[in-house]
Amino acid sequence: MNNAKLFVIDYHLHGDHKSFIIRAETMDNAEAWHWASCDAGIGRIGRYGREKVKKVSKPLAERYGITDVQWRQSG
């Protein structure tokens, strides 16, 4: 993670606003939805940096009450 940056992810879980900061090399909408799901306790975080885990998609996250996922680079 030599080129890691800080990203802020905002989302709503059952109407409640949630926000967190994550360090990652890159971020896009699909990654933001997955990490929001992990923060909400729905998604899975791999035990090891190289472990492949199935990403939580936007439609699946929405079924669990996650909405309005937005992300931006910190700073």
C-alpha atoms as a PDB file:
ATOM      1  CA  MET A   1       0.000   0.000   0.000  1.00  0.00           C
ATOM      2  CA  ASN A   2       2.684   2.410  -0.968  1.00  0.00           C
ATOM      3  CA  ASN A   3       0.266   4.765  -2.734  1.00  0.00           C
ATOM      4  CA  ALA A   4      -2.529   4.534  -0.157  1.00  0.00           C
ATOM      5  CA  LYS A   5      -4.798   7.521   0.350  1.00  0.00           C
ATOM      6  CA  LEU A   6      -7.488   8.328   2.892  1.00  0.00           C
ATOM      7  CA  PHE A   7     -11.121   8.278   1.767  1.00  0.00           C
ATOM      8  CA  VAL A   8     -14.252   9.351   3.629  1.00  0.00           C
ATOM      9  CA  ILE A   9     -17.335   7.203   3.014  1.00  0.00           C
ATOM     10  CA  ASP A  10     -20.767   8.504   4.044  1.00  0.00           C
ATOM     11  CA  TYR A  11     -23.933   6.394   3.912  1.00  0.00           C
ATOM     12  CA  HIS A  12     -27.302   5.833   5.549  1.00  0.00           C
ATOM     13  CA  LEU A  13     -28.236   2.636   7.386  1.00  0.00           C
ATOM     14  CA  HIS A  14     -31.996   2.380   7.985  1.00  0.00           C
ATOM     15  CA  GLY A  15     -32.162   6.182   7.807  1.00  0.00           C
ATOM     16  CA  ASP A  16     -29.301   6.865  10.246  1.00  0.00           C
ATOM     17  CA  HIS A  17     -26.273   8.735   8.881  1.00  0.00           C
ATOM     18  CA  LYS A  18     -22.951   6.896   9.184  1.00  0.00           C
ATOM     19  CA  SER A  19     -19.460   7.985   8.196  1.00  0.00           C
ATOM     20  CA  PHE A  20     -15.969   6.508   8.377  1.00  0.00           C
ATOM     21  CA  ILE A  21     -12.472   6.931   6.967  1.00  0.00           C
ATOM     22  CA  ILE A  22     -10.597   4.172   5.173  1.00  0.00           C
ATOM     23  CA  ARG A  23      -7.094   3.922   3.776  1.00  0.00           C
ATOM     24  CA  ALA A  24      -6.966   2.456   0.253  1.00  0.00           C
ATOM     25  CA  GLU A  25      -4.929   2.759  -2.910  1.00  0.00           C
ATOM     26  CA  THR A  26      -8.008   3.378  -5.070  1.00  0.00           C
ATOM     27  CA  MET A  27     -11.705   3.969  -4.541  1.00  0.00           C
ATOM     28  CA  ASP A  28     -14.717   3.794  -6.828  1.00  0.00           C
ATOM     29  CA  ASN A  29     -18.462   3.445  -6.318  1.00  0.00           C
ATOM     30  CA  ALA A  30     -18.401  -0.364  -6.158  1.00  0.00           C
ATOM     31  CA  GLU A  31     -15.628  -0.314  -3.538  1.00  0.00           C
ATOM     32  CA  ALA A  32     -17.453   2.345  -1.520  1.00  0.00           C
ATOM     33  CA  TRP A  33     -20.652   0.256  -1.429  1.00  0.00           C
ATOM     34  CA  HIS A  34     -18.665  -2.798  -0.332  1.00  0.00           C
ATOM     35  CA  TRP A  35     -16.821  -0.933   2.449  1.00  0.00           C
ATOM     36  CA  ALA A  36     -20.043   0.708   3.647  1.00  0.00           C
ATOM     37  CA  SER A  37     -21.507  -2.802   3.900  1.00  0.00           C
ATOM     38  CA  CYS A  38     -18.491  -3.939   5.908  1.00  0.00           C
ATOM     39  CA  ASP A  39     -18.851  -0.966   8.253  1.00  0.00           C
ATOM     40  CA  ALA A  40     -22.537  -1.816   8.717  1.00  0.00           C
ATOM     41  CA  GLY A  41     -21.674  -5.422   9.593  1.00  0.00           C
ATOM     42  CA  ILE A  42     -23.019  -6.985   6.410  1.00  0.00           C
ATOM     43  CA  GLY A  43     -19.914  -7.381   4.266  1.00  0.00           C
ATOM     44  CA  ARG A  44     -16.889  -9.484   5.032  1.00  0.00           C
ATOM     45  CA  ILE A  45     -13.319  -8.241   5.382  1.00  0.00           C
ATOM     46  CA  GLY A  46     -10.670 -10.775   4.416  1.00  0.00           C
ATOM     47  CA  ARG A  47      -8.327 -11.980   7.146  1.00  0.00           C
ATOM     48  CA  TYR A  48      -5.257 -11.446   5.044  1.00  0.00           C
ATOM     49  CA  GLY A  49      -4.516  -8.650   2.610  1.00  0.00           C
ATOM     50  CA  ARG A  50      -4.392 -11.070  -0.297  1.00  0.00           C
ATOM     51  CA  GLU A  51      -7.472 -13.127   0.612  1.00  0.00           C
ATOM     52  CA  LYS A  52     -10.172 -12.806  -2.033  1.00  0.00           C
ATOM     53  CA  VAL A  53     -13.630 -12.080  -0.640  1.00  0.00           C
ATOM     54  CA  LYS A  54     -16.847 -11.636  -2.550  1.00  0.00           C
ATOM     55  CA  LYS A  55     -17.723  -7.941  -2.683  1.00  0.00           C
ATOM     56  CA  VAL A  56     -21.158  -6.792  -1.569  1.00  0.00           C
ATOM     57  CA  SER A  57     -22.990  -5.206  -4.504  1.00  0.00           C
ATOM     58  CA  LYS A  58     -25.178  -2.117  -4.375  1.00  0.00           C
ATOM     59  CA  PRO A  59     -28.450  -4.085  -4.836  1.00  0.00           C
ATOM     60  CA  LEU A  60     -27.539  -6.494  -2.026  1.00  0.00           C
ATOM     61  CA  ALA A  61     -26.502  -3.643   0.277  1.00  0.00           C
ATOM     62  CA  GLU A  62     -29.783  -1.852  -0.422  1.00  0.00           C
ATOM     63  CA  ARG A  63     -31.697  -4.982   0.639  1.00  0.00           C
ATOM     64  CA  TYR A  64     -30.044  -4.658   4.049  1.00  0.00           C
ATOM     65  CA  GLY A  65     -31.009  -0.987   4.422  1.00  0.00           C
ATOM     66  CA  ILE A  66     -27.891   0.795   3.143  1.00  0.00           C
ATOM     67  CA  THR A  67     -28.573   3.853   0.979  1.00  0.00           C
ATOM     68  CA  ASP A  68     -26.953   7.062  -0.266  1.00  0.00           C
ATOM     69  CA  VAL A  69     -23.349   5.845  -0.315  1.00  0.00           C
ATOM     70  CA  GLN A  70     -20.978   8.677  -1.219  1.00  0.00           C
ATOM     71  CA  TRP A  71     -17.216   8.860  -1.027  1.00  0.00           C
ATOM     72  CA  ARG A  72     -14.513  11.480  -1.356  1.00  0.00           C
ATOM     73  CA  GLN A  73     -10.806  11.733  -0.842  1.00  0.00           C
ATOM     74  CA  SER A  74      -9.904  13.124   2.567  1.00  0.00           C
ATOM     75  CA  GLY A  75      -8.109  16.426   2.751  1.00  0.00           C
END
